[in-house]
């Protein structure tokens, strides 16, 4: 189990690195585009690139979905825990497992539908400002994040089942 945790820690670090790079690229491209709108009139080097908006949106898609995967791993995704104090501990643990199963099902849908959309619609449609690139790359973030969410939620599910069974054994 420790070896699997180390692999998952490395996957988490890789996804976090990708999110950081996407955020830095978003900031730099957006800053350049905004500067280009105002300074580009006077200095031709700083013209607003036509592709900036589409690239920023694509990077934001990856960031949003991959950040959701990171939240699943750390258990910081949106959850309703206000009733946990009033419910029996065992019921809370069962509800946690149920939530894990629902997230797992959703991640599988993300993989299937995201891949389907990326390969059908995404591969046929081109970026308006980057005609050499298909929008496959915009839609590919959904199944990629679905795979990562699936991996991380399986880890959480295993831990929650182990926690529930440990309580039952005592």
Protein backbone atom coordinates (compact mmCIF):
# COMPACT_ATOMS: atom_id res chain seq x y z
CA UNK A 1 0.00 0.00 0.00
CA UNK A 2 2.90 2.37 0.73
CA UNK A 3 4.30 1.85 -2.77
CA UNK A 4 0.92 2.75 -4.29
CA UNK A 5 0.73 5.85 -2.07
CA UNK A 6 4.17 6.95 -3.27
CA UNK A 7 3.07 6.57 -6.91
CA UNK A 8 -0.12 8.52 -6.17
CA UNK A 9 1.91 11.21 -4.41
CA UNK A 10 4.05 11.54 -7.55
CA UNK A 11 0.92 11.69 -9.73
CA UNK A 12 -0.49 14.38 -7.43
CA UNK A 13 2.77 16.35 -7.69
CA UNK A 14 2.75 16.03 -11.49
CA UNK A 15 -0.86 17.22 -11.77
CA UNK A 16 -0.11 20.10 -9.39
CA UNK A 17 2.92 21.04 -11.54
CA UNK A 18 0.77 21.00 -14.70
CA UNK A 19 -1.80 23.25 -13.00
CA UNK A 20 0.94 25.66 -11.91
CA UNK A 21 2.43 25.80 -15.41
CA UNK A 22 -1.05 26.36 -16.90
CA UNK A 23 -1.71 29.16 -14.41
CA UNK A 24 1.62 30.84 -15.15
CA UNK A 25 1.01 30.55 -18.90
CA UNK A 26 -2.52 31.96 -18.43
CA UNK A 27 -1.18 34.94 -16.51
CA UNK A 28 1.61 35.63 -19.00
CA UNK A 29 -0.59 35.28 -22.09
CA UNK A 30 -3.40 37.36 -20.59
CA UNK A 31 -0.95 40.06 -19.46
CA UNK A 32 0.61 40.16 -22.91
CA UNK A 33 -2.84 40.36 -24.56
CA UNK A 34 -4.01 43.18 -22.28
CA UNK A 35 -0.76 45.07 -22.74
CA UNK A 36 -1.07 44.54 -26.49
CA UNK A 37 -4.46 46.20 -26.55
CA UNK A 38 -3.12 49.38 -25.03
CA UNK A 39 0.56 49.46 -25.92
CA UNK A 40 0.22 47.76 -29.31
CA UNK A 41 -0.95 51.02 -30.87
CA UNK A 42 2.44 52.57 -30.17
CA UNK A 43 4.81 49.59 -30.18
CA UNK A 44 4.01 47.00 -32.89
CA UNK A 45 5.90 44.28 -30.98
CA UNK A 46 3.17 44.32 -28.31
CA UNK A 47 0.14 43.70 -30.54
CA UNK A 48 -2.62 41.61 -28.98
CA UNK A 49 -2.21 38.12 -30.46
CA UNK A 50 -5.44 36.82 -31.96
CA UNK A 51 -4.90 33.35 -30.47
CA UNK A 52 -4.56 34.50 -26.86
CA UNK A 53 -8.21 34.12 -25.84
CA UNK A 54 -8.58 30.58 -27.16
CA UNK A 55 -5.31 29.40 -25.65
CA UNK A 56 -6.19 30.92 -22.27
CA UNK A 57 -9.60 29.21 -22.33
CA UNK A 58 -8.00 25.88 -23.17
CA UNK A 59 -5.49 26.21 -20.34
CA UNK A 60 -8.29 27.18 -17.95
CA UNK A 61 -10.20 24.04 -18.92
CA UNK A 62 -7.22 21.89 -17.98
CA UNK A 63 -6.67 23.84 -14.75
CA UNK A 64 -10.29 23.61 -13.63
CA UNK A 65 -10.69 19.90 -14.22
CA UNK A 66 -7.25 18.89 -12.96
CA UNK A 67 -7.69 21.05 -9.86
CA UNK A 68 -10.91 19.14 -9.17
CA UNK A 69 -8.86 15.94 -9.26
CA UNK A 70 -6.42 17.42 -6.76
CA UNK A 71 -9.33 18.33 -4.49
CA UNK A 72 -10.62 14.75 -4.67
CA UNK A 73 -7.25 13.41 -3.51
CA UNK A 74 -7.05 15.75 -0.53
CA UNK A 75 -10.77 15.54 0.29
CA UNK A 76 -11.18 19.29 -0.13
CA UNK A 77 -13.88 19.15 -2.78
CA UNK A 78 -17.29 20.57 -1.96
CA UNK A 79 -18.93 18.37 0.65
CA UNK A 80 -21.87 18.59 2.98
CA UNK A 81 -20.50 17.87 6.46
CA UNK A 82 -22.78 20.00 8.62
CA UNK A 83 -24.87 16.99 9.67
CA UNK A 84 -21.88 14.77 10.48
CA UNK A 85 -21.93 15.86 14.13
CA UNK A 86 -25.54 14.76 14.55
CA UNK A 87 -25.43 11.46 12.65
CA UNK A 88 -23.95 8.20 13.94
CA UNK A 89 -20.29 7.73 12.95
CA UNK A 90 -21.01 4.50 11.08
CA UNK A 91 -23.71 6.21 8.99
CA UNK A 92 -21.29 9.03 8.14
CA UNK A 93 -18.74 6.47 7.01
CA UNK A 94 -21.33 4.70 4.83
CA UNK A 95 -22.34 8.07 3.35
CA UNK A 96 -18.67 8.84 2.62
CA UNK A 97 -18.40 5.53 0.73
CA UNK A 98 -21.62 6.33 -1.14
CA UNK A 99 -20.21 9.76 -2.10
CA UNK A 100 -16.99 8.08 -3.28
CA UNK A 101 -19.00 5.70 -5.47
CA UNK A 102 -20.94 8.60 -6.98
CA UNK A 103 -17.71 10.50 -7.71
CA UNK A 104 -16.25 7.33 -9.24
CA UNK A 105 -19.31 6.98 -11.48
CA UNK A 106 -19.04 10.62 -12.49
CA UNK A 107 -15.34 10.22 -13.31
CA UNK A 108 -16.12 7.24 -15.53
CA UNK A 109 -18.74 9.35 -17.33
CA UNK A 110 -16.14 12.11 -17.71
CA UNK A 111 -13.72 9.64 -19.28
CA UNK A 112 -16.25 8.11 -21.66
CA UNK A 113 -18.11 11.25 -22.72
CA UNK A 114 -15.00 13.44 -22.69
CA UNK A 115 -13.08 11.05 -24.90
CA UNK A 116 -16.09 10.69 -27.19
CA UNK A 117 -16.46 14.48 -27.50
CA UNK A 118 -12.73 15.06 -27.96
CA UNK A 119 -12.43 12.47 -30.71
CA UNK A 120 -15.62 13.34 -32.57
CA UNK A 121 -16.45 17.03 -32.21
CA UNK A 122 -13.01 18.15 -31.07
CA UNK A 123 -11.12 16.49 -33.89
CA UNK A 124 -13.40 18.02 -36.55
CA UNK A 125 -13.48 21.60 -35.27
CA UNK A 126 -10.44 23.87 -35.50
CA UNK A 127 -9.52 26.86 -33.40
CA UNK A 128 -10.63 30.00 -35.25
CA UNK A 129 -7.32 31.76 -34.66
CA UNK A 130 -5.11 28.64 -34.83
CA UNK A 131 -6.48 26.68 -37.80
CA UNK A 132 -3.63 24.17 -37.68
CA UNK A 133 -4.87 22.94 -34.29
CA UNK A 134 -8.06 20.99 -33.67
CA UNK A 135 -10.21 21.61 -30.62
CA UNK A 136 -9.41 18.06 -29.58
CA UNK A 137 -6.86 19.64 -27.26
CA UNK A 138 -9.51 21.75 -25.55
CA UNK A 139 -11.81 18.78 -24.93
CA UNK A 140 -9.01 16.33 -24.04
CA UNK A 141 -8.70 17.89 -20.59
CA UNK A 142 -12.02 16.34 -19.53
CA UNK A 143 -11.14 12.64 -20.01
CA UNK A 144 -7.60 13.23 -18.72
CA UNK A 145 -8.99 14.75 -15.53
CA UNK A 146 -11.58 11.96 -15.38
CA UNK A 147 -8.79 9.38 -15.34
CA UNK A 148 -6.95 11.22 -12.57
CA UNK A 149 -10.17 11.67 -10.55
CA UNK A 150 -10.93 7.96 -11.01
CA UNK A 151 -7.49 7.00 -9.68
CA UNK A 152 -7.70 9.37 -6.71
CA UNK A 153 -11.26 8.43 -5.78
CA UNK A 154 -10.37 4.74 -5.85
CA UNK A 155 -7.71 5.54 -3.26
CA UNK A 156 -10.24 7.46 -1.14
CA UNK A 157 -12.78 4.64 -1.52
CA UNK A 158 -10.23 2.06 -0.37
CA UNK A 159 -9.37 4.19 2.67
CA UNK A 160 -13.04 4.75 3.54
CA UNK A 161 -13.87 1.04 3.23
CA UNK A 162 -10.84 0.19 5.35
CA UNK A 163 -11.92 2.75 7.95
CA UNK A 164 -15.45 1.30 8.05
CA UNK A 165 -14.24 -2.30 8.30
CA UNK A 166 -11.73 -1.39 11.02
CA UNK A 167 -14.56 -0.02 13.16
CA UNK A 168 -16.61 -3.18 12.60
CA UNK A 169 -13.74 -5.50 13.64
CA UNK A 170 -13.31 -3.87 17.06
